[in-house]
Amino acid sequence: MNESPAPSAATSSQMVLALLALSPFLFKLSPTLTKAALFCGCFTALGYATQSLALVDVLPATVTFLGTVTVS
């Protein structure tokens, strides 16, 4: 348990596994829904990236609280 993977490696592997699990459904989407899903995915990725960058300078409890308030 002392040797755990880096957080970036764990997150990357989680995203790759999600991509593999959901990839069969990707080609069944209508083109209009695909565009909307990509647009939404861009904002989700932007939110995830900015939250990760905020953890560099701000306490994790503060980032968690702000994320919860924003989503609620």
C-alpha atoms as a PDB file:
ATOM      1  CA  MET A   1       0.000   0.000   0.000  1.00  0.00           C
ATOM      2  CA  ASN A   2       2.942   2.354   0.445  1.00  0.00           C
ATOM      3  CA  GLU A   3       3.692   2.335  -3.267  1.00  0.00           C
ATOM      4  CA  SER A   4       0.706   3.768  -5.061  1.00  0.00           C
ATOM      5  CA  PRO A   5       0.660   5.127  -8.610  1.00  0.00           C
ATOM      6  CA  ALA A   6       0.931   8.833  -9.224  1.00  0.00           C
ATOM      7  CA  PRO A   7      -2.415  10.670  -9.132  1.00  0.00           C
ATOM      8  CA  SER A   8      -2.083  11.623 -12.793  1.00  0.00           C
ATOM      9  CA  ALA A   9      -1.509   7.985 -13.761  1.00  0.00           C
ATOM     10  CA  ALA A  10      -4.487   6.820 -11.720  1.00  0.00           C
ATOM     11  CA  THR A  11      -6.745   9.484 -13.250  1.00  0.00           C
ATOM     12  CA  SER A  12      -5.530   8.740 -16.765  1.00  0.00           C
ATOM     13  CA  SER A  13      -6.168   5.032 -16.355  1.00  0.00           C
ATOM     14  CA  GLN A  14      -9.655   5.788 -15.015  1.00  0.00           C
ATOM     15  CA  MET A  15     -10.452   7.902 -18.080  1.00  0.00           C
ATOM     16  CA  VAL A  16      -9.093   5.286 -20.481  1.00  0.00           C
ATOM     17  CA  LEU A  17     -11.179   2.565 -18.826  1.00  0.00           C
ATOM     18  CA  ALA A  18     -14.282   4.767 -19.096  1.00  0.00           C
ATOM     19  CA  LEU A  19     -13.534   5.366 -22.777  1.00  0.00           C
ATOM     20  CA  LEU A  20     -13.193   1.631 -23.406  1.00  0.00           C
ATOM     21  CA  ALA A  21     -16.401   0.851 -21.518  1.00  0.00           C
ATOM     22  CA  LEU A  22     -18.460   3.465 -23.369  1.00  0.00           C
ATOM     23  CA  SER A  23     -16.899   3.187 -26.835  1.00  0.00           C
ATOM     24  CA  PRO A  24     -19.444   0.643 -28.187  1.00  0.00           C
ATOM     25  CA  PHE A  25     -22.197   3.226 -27.706  1.00  0.00           C
ATOM     26  CA  LEU A  26     -20.285   6.010 -29.435  1.00  0.00           C
ATOM     27  CA  PHE A  27     -21.265   5.052 -32.973  1.00  0.00           C
ATOM     28  CA  LYS A  28     -24.940   4.602 -32.075  1.00  0.00           C
ATOM     29  CA  LEU A  29     -25.434   8.298 -31.260  1.00  0.00           C
ATOM     30  CA  SER A  30     -27.174  10.631 -33.666  1.00  0.00           C
ATOM     31  CA  PRO A  31     -24.940  13.362 -35.165  1.00  0.00           C
ATOM     32  CA  THR A  32     -26.769  16.160 -33.351  1.00  0.00           C
ATOM     33  CA  LEU A  33     -26.375  14.414 -30.022  1.00  0.00           C
ATOM     34  CA  THR A  34     -22.707  13.731 -30.769  1.00  0.00           C
ATOM     35  CA  LYS A  35     -22.003  17.433 -31.264  1.00  0.00           C
ATOM     36  CA  ALA A  36     -23.822  18.325 -28.050  1.00  0.00           C
ATOM     37  CA  ALA A  37     -21.995  15.592 -26.128  1.00  0.00           C
ATOM     38  CA  LEU A  38     -18.607  16.808 -27.356  1.00  0.00           C
ATOM     39  CA  PHE A  39     -19.514  20.375 -26.419  1.00  0.00           C
ATOM     40  CA  CYS A  40     -20.563  19.279 -22.929  1.00  0.00           C
ATOM     41  CA  GLY A  41     -17.470  17.100 -22.618  1.00  0.00           C
ATOM     42  CA  CYS A  42     -15.244  20.079 -23.360  1.00  0.00           C
ATOM     43  CA  PHE A  43     -16.767  22.018 -20.463  1.00  0.00           C
ATOM     44  CA  THR A  44     -16.490  18.992 -18.193  1.00  0.00           C
ATOM     45  CA  ALA A  45     -12.813  18.592 -19.080  1.00  0.00           C
ATOM     46  CA  LEU A  46     -12.246  22.310 -18.540  1.00  0.00           C
ATOM     47  CA  GLY A  47     -13.849  22.102 -15.100  1.00  0.00           C
ATOM     48  CA  TYR A  48     -11.788  19.061 -14.162  1.00  0.00           C
ATOM     49  CA  ALA A  49      -8.563  20.720 -15.329  1.00  0.00           C
ATOM     50  CA  THR A  50      -9.236  23.974 -13.499  1.00  0.00           C
ATOM     51  CA  GLN A  51     -10.124  22.114 -10.312  1.00  0.00           C
ATOM     52  CA  SER A  52      -6.859  20.169 -10.559  1.00  0.00           C
ATOM     53  CA  LEU A  53      -4.910  23.377 -11.106  1.00  0.00           C
ATOM     54  CA  ALA A  54      -6.628  24.985  -8.129  1.00  0.00           C
ATOM     55  CA  LEU A  55      -5.334  22.183  -5.890  1.00  0.00           C
ATOM     56  CA  VAL A  56      -1.799  23.449  -6.476  1.00  0.00           C
ATOM     57  CA  ASP A  57      -2.373  26.683  -4.534  1.00  0.00           C
ATOM     58  CA  VAL A  58      -5.576  26.213  -2.510  1.00  0.00           C
ATOM     59  CA  LEU A  59      -6.402  23.804   0.310  1.00  0.00           C
ATOM     60  CA  PRO A  60      -8.275  20.659  -0.828  1.00  0.00           C
ATOM     61  CA  ALA A  61     -11.139  21.371   1.586  1.00  0.00           C
ATOM     62  CA  THR A  62     -11.696  24.776  -0.020  1.00  0.00           C
ATOM     63  CA  VAL A  63     -11.646  23.329  -3.545  1.00  0.00           C
ATOM     64  CA  THR A  64     -14.092  20.610  -2.507  1.00  0.00           C
ATOM     65  CA  PHE A  65     -16.432  23.120  -0.904  1.00  0.00           C
ATOM     66  CA  LEU A  66     -16.395  25.422  -3.925  1.00  0.00           C
ATOM     67  CA  GLY A  67     -16.934  22.478  -6.279  1.00  0.00           C
ATOM     68  CA  THR A  68     -19.899  21.296  -4.230  1.00  0.00           C
ATOM     69  CA  VAL A  69     -21.452  24.742  -4.070  1.00  0.00           C
ATOM     70  CA  THR A  70     -20.984  25.205  -7.821  1.00  0.00           C
ATOM     71  CA  VAL A  71     -22.602  21.867  -8.708  1.00  0.00           C
ATOM     72  CA  SER A  72     -25.495  22.212  -6.256  1.00  0.00           C
END
